[in-house]
């Protein structure tokens, strides 16, 4: 069995997935209703340059987490950052079922889900953290990534508004 223990795999998976979004979101938004249950997918951003800025910011966070994990030789940060990422991938599949059509990010979500689960399992086996450390760090990661996603969407919407 392959051991996916590199701390640097998560930023690579993220970029592979987000390249699909970067390329296809602007075109998809031209021909599709971007709303699901009143929420706008992809923050309604229909410009690749603005979308790329948001993706870059999130990629920097993943790189920082990988670097800190590498320096500390602790897989806990990367392992816990996988949970919001897995949720993100699953949401793409839910969007497909809601929209009954392709949604950008769905193809790489299908490809990456099993890889990411195996990767998470590999990191869990390397982590020597206690259950309470896991719980605290998972909560911190989820709060961090949810708030960062809100921030990115807000910044991108502001940039879209100013550039019209």
Protein backbone atom coordinates (compact mmCIF):
# COMPACT_ATOMS: atom_id res chain seq x y z
CA UNK A 1 0.00 0.00 0.00
CA UNK A 2 1.21 3.49 -0.83
CA UNK A 3 1.90 5.70 2.15
CA UNK A 4 0.58 9.21 1.55
CA UNK A 5 2.44 10.83 4.42
CA UNK A 6 3.84 13.99 2.80
CA UNK A 7 2.62 17.20 4.35
CA UNK A 8 2.82 18.81 0.91
CA UNK A 9 0.14 16.64 -0.72
CA UNK A 10 -2.79 18.73 0.57
CA UNK A 11 -1.68 21.95 -1.19
CA UNK A 12 -1.19 19.93 -4.40
CA UNK A 13 -4.66 18.38 -4.15
CA UNK A 14 -6.13 21.81 -3.46
CA UNK A 15 -4.51 23.34 -6.55
CA UNK A 16 -5.52 20.44 -8.80
CA UNK A 17 -9.13 20.90 -7.70
CA UNK A 18 -9.13 24.68 -7.81
CA UNK A 19 -7.62 24.80 -11.30
CA UNK A 20 -10.81 23.13 -12.49
CA UNK A 21 -12.83 25.85 -10.74
CA UNK A 22 -10.57 28.62 -12.05
CA UNK A 23 -10.92 27.49 -15.65
CA UNK A 24 -14.61 26.58 -15.73
CA UNK A 25 -16.46 28.80 -13.21
CA UNK A 26 -16.61 31.95 -15.37
CA UNK A 27 -17.98 30.01 -18.35
CA UNK A 28 -20.36 27.95 -16.24
CA UNK A 29 -21.83 31.07 -14.59
CA UNK A 30 -22.71 32.52 -18.02
CA UNK A 31 -25.06 29.63 -18.81
CA UNK A 32 -26.25 28.44 -15.39
CA UNK A 33 -28.19 29.80 -12.44
CA UNK A 34 -25.60 30.13 -9.70
CA UNK A 35 -28.07 29.87 -6.81
CA UNK A 36 -28.89 26.86 -4.65
CA UNK A 37 -31.35 27.44 -1.81
CA UNK A 38 -30.80 31.19 -2.12
CA UNK A 39 -27.01 30.92 -1.84
CA UNK A 40 -24.80 31.93 -4.75
CA UNK A 41 -22.18 29.36 -5.79
CA UNK A 42 -18.58 30.52 -6.16
CA UNK A 43 -19.52 33.86 -4.62
CA UNK A 44 -20.97 34.82 -8.00
CA UNK A 45 -17.46 35.61 -9.21
CA UNK A 46 -17.40 35.36 -12.99
CA UNK A 47 -13.88 36.66 -13.58
CA UNK A 48 -10.89 34.33 -13.55
CA UNK A 49 -8.52 37.03 -12.30
CA UNK A 50 -10.61 37.73 -9.20
CA UNK A 51 -11.23 34.03 -8.62
CA UNK A 52 -7.48 33.39 -8.94
CA UNK A 53 -6.75 35.95 -6.20
CA UNK A 54 -9.08 34.12 -3.80
CA UNK A 55 -7.59 30.76 -4.74
CA UNK A 56 -4.07 32.12 -4.24
CA UNK A 57 -4.93 33.34 -0.73
CA UNK A 58 -6.31 29.96 0.28
CA UNK A 59 -3.35 28.15 -1.33
CA UNK A 60 -0.99 30.27 0.81
CA UNK A 61 -2.84 29.06 3.93
CA UNK A 62 -2.42 25.43 2.85
CA UNK A 63 1.29 26.03 2.16
CA UNK A 64 1.72 27.67 5.57
CA UNK A 65 0.02 24.73 7.30
CA UNK A 66 2.19 22.25 5.38
CA UNK A 67 5.36 24.20 6.23
CA UNK A 68 4.51 24.45 9.94
CA UNK A 69 3.64 20.73 10.01
CA UNK A 70 6.93 19.91 8.28
CA UNK A 71 8.99 22.11 10.61
CA UNK A 72 7.26 20.70 13.71
CA UNK A 73 7.24 17.19 12.21
CA UNK A 74 3.61 16.96 13.23
CA UNK A 75 0.94 15.76 10.78
CA UNK A 76 -1.89 17.01 13.01
CA UNK A 77 -2.31 20.41 11.33
CA UNK A 78 -2.49 18.97 7.82
CA UNK A 79 -4.67 16.06 8.94
CA UNK A 80 -7.20 18.38 10.56
CA UNK A 81 -7.15 20.78 7.58
CA UNK A 82 -8.29 17.85 5.45
CA UNK A 83 -11.69 17.79 7.19
CA UNK A 84 -12.93 21.14 5.81
CA UNK A 85 -11.35 20.26 2.46
CA UNK A 86 -13.24 16.94 2.35
CA UNK A 87 -16.43 18.82 3.19
CA UNK A 88 -15.68 21.19 0.30
CA UNK A 89 -15.27 18.26 -2.12
CA UNK A 90 -18.49 16.64 -0.91
CA UNK A 91 -20.35 19.94 -1.34
CA UNK A 92 -19.40 19.95 -5.03
CA UNK A 93 -21.12 16.59 -5.44
CA UNK A 94 -24.17 17.85 -3.56
CA UNK A 95 -24.25 20.85 -5.93
CA UNK A 96 -24.26 18.46 -8.90
CA UNK A 97 -27.23 16.56 -7.47
CA UNK A 98 -29.08 19.81 -6.69
CA UNK A 99 -28.43 21.33 -10.12
CA UNK A 100 -28.75 18.07 -12.10
CA UNK A 101 -25.79 19.18 -14.20
CA UNK A 102 -22.03 19.56 -14.10
CA UNK A 103 -20.78 22.09 -11.56
CA UNK A 104 -17.12 23.22 -11.77
CA UNK A 105 -15.01 21.26 -9.33
CA UNK A 106 -17.14 18.11 -9.53
CA UNK A 107 -14.75 16.08 -11.68
CA UNK A 108 -11.73 16.69 -9.47
CA UNK A 109 -13.92 16.15 -6.39
CA UNK A 110 -14.78 12.66 -7.68
CA UNK A 111 -11.11 11.96 -8.43
CA UNK A 112 -9.82 13.38 -5.16
CA UNK A 113 -12.33 12.03 -2.63
CA UNK A 114 -10.82 8.54 -2.36
CA UNK A 115 -7.25 9.89 -2.54
CA UNK A 116 -7.96 12.43 0.19
CA UNK A 117 -9.56 9.81 2.43
CA UNK A 118 -6.52 7.52 2.06
CA UNK A 119 -4.26 10.53 2.67
CA UNK A 120 -6.19 11.43 5.84
CA UNK A 121 -5.96 7.85 7.07
CA UNK A 122 -2.20 7.84 6.48
CA UNK A 123 -1.75 11.06 8.44
CA UNK A 124 -3.98 9.84 11.26
CA UNK A 125 -1.77 6.77 11.70
CA UNK A 126 1.27 9.06 12.00
CA UNK A 127 -0.35 11.43 14.49
CA UNK A 128 0.37 10.82 18.12
CA UNK A 129 -1.99 13.53 19.38
CA UNK A 130 -4.58 12.81 22.04
CA UNK A 131 -8.31 12.89 21.35
CA UNK A 132 -8.76 16.28 23.03
CA UNK A 133 -5.98 17.77 20.86
CA UNK A 134 -7.74 16.39 17.76
CA UNK A 135 -11.08 17.87 18.82
CA UNK A 136 -9.63 21.30 19.57
CA UNK A 137 -7.58 21.50 16.35
CA UNK A 138 -10.45 20.18 14.17
CA UNK A 139 -12.76 22.85 15.59
CA UNK A 140 -10.11 25.55 15.06
CA UNK A 141 -9.50 24.40 11.46
CA UNK A 142 -13.19 24.32 10.61
CA UNK A 143 -13.77 27.78 12.10
CA UNK A 144 -10.66 29.11 10.35
CA UNK A 145 -11.60 27.74 6.93
CA UNK A 146 -15.29 28.68 7.14
CA UNK A 147 -14.44 32.24 8.15
CA UNK A 148 -11.71 32.45 5.54
CA UNK A 149 -14.14 31.28 2.86
CA UNK A 150 -16.62 33.97 3.93
CA UNK A 151 -13.80 36.54 3.85
CA UNK A 152 -12.60 35.44 0.40
CA UNK A 153 -16.12 35.59 -1.04
CA UNK A 154 -16.67 39.03 0.50
CA UNK A 155 -13.36 40.37 -0.89
CA UNK A 156 -14.03 38.89 -4.33
CA UNK A 157 -17.57 40.37 -4.38
CA UNK A 158 -16.14 43.77 -3.43
CA UNK A 159 -13.54 43.52 -6.18
CA UNK A 160 -16.21 42.52 -8.71
CA UNK A 161 -18.35 45.50 -7.66
CA UNK A 162 -15.44 47.98 -7.96
CA UNK A 163 -14.32 46.65 -11.35
CA UNK A 164 -17.74 46.90 -13.04
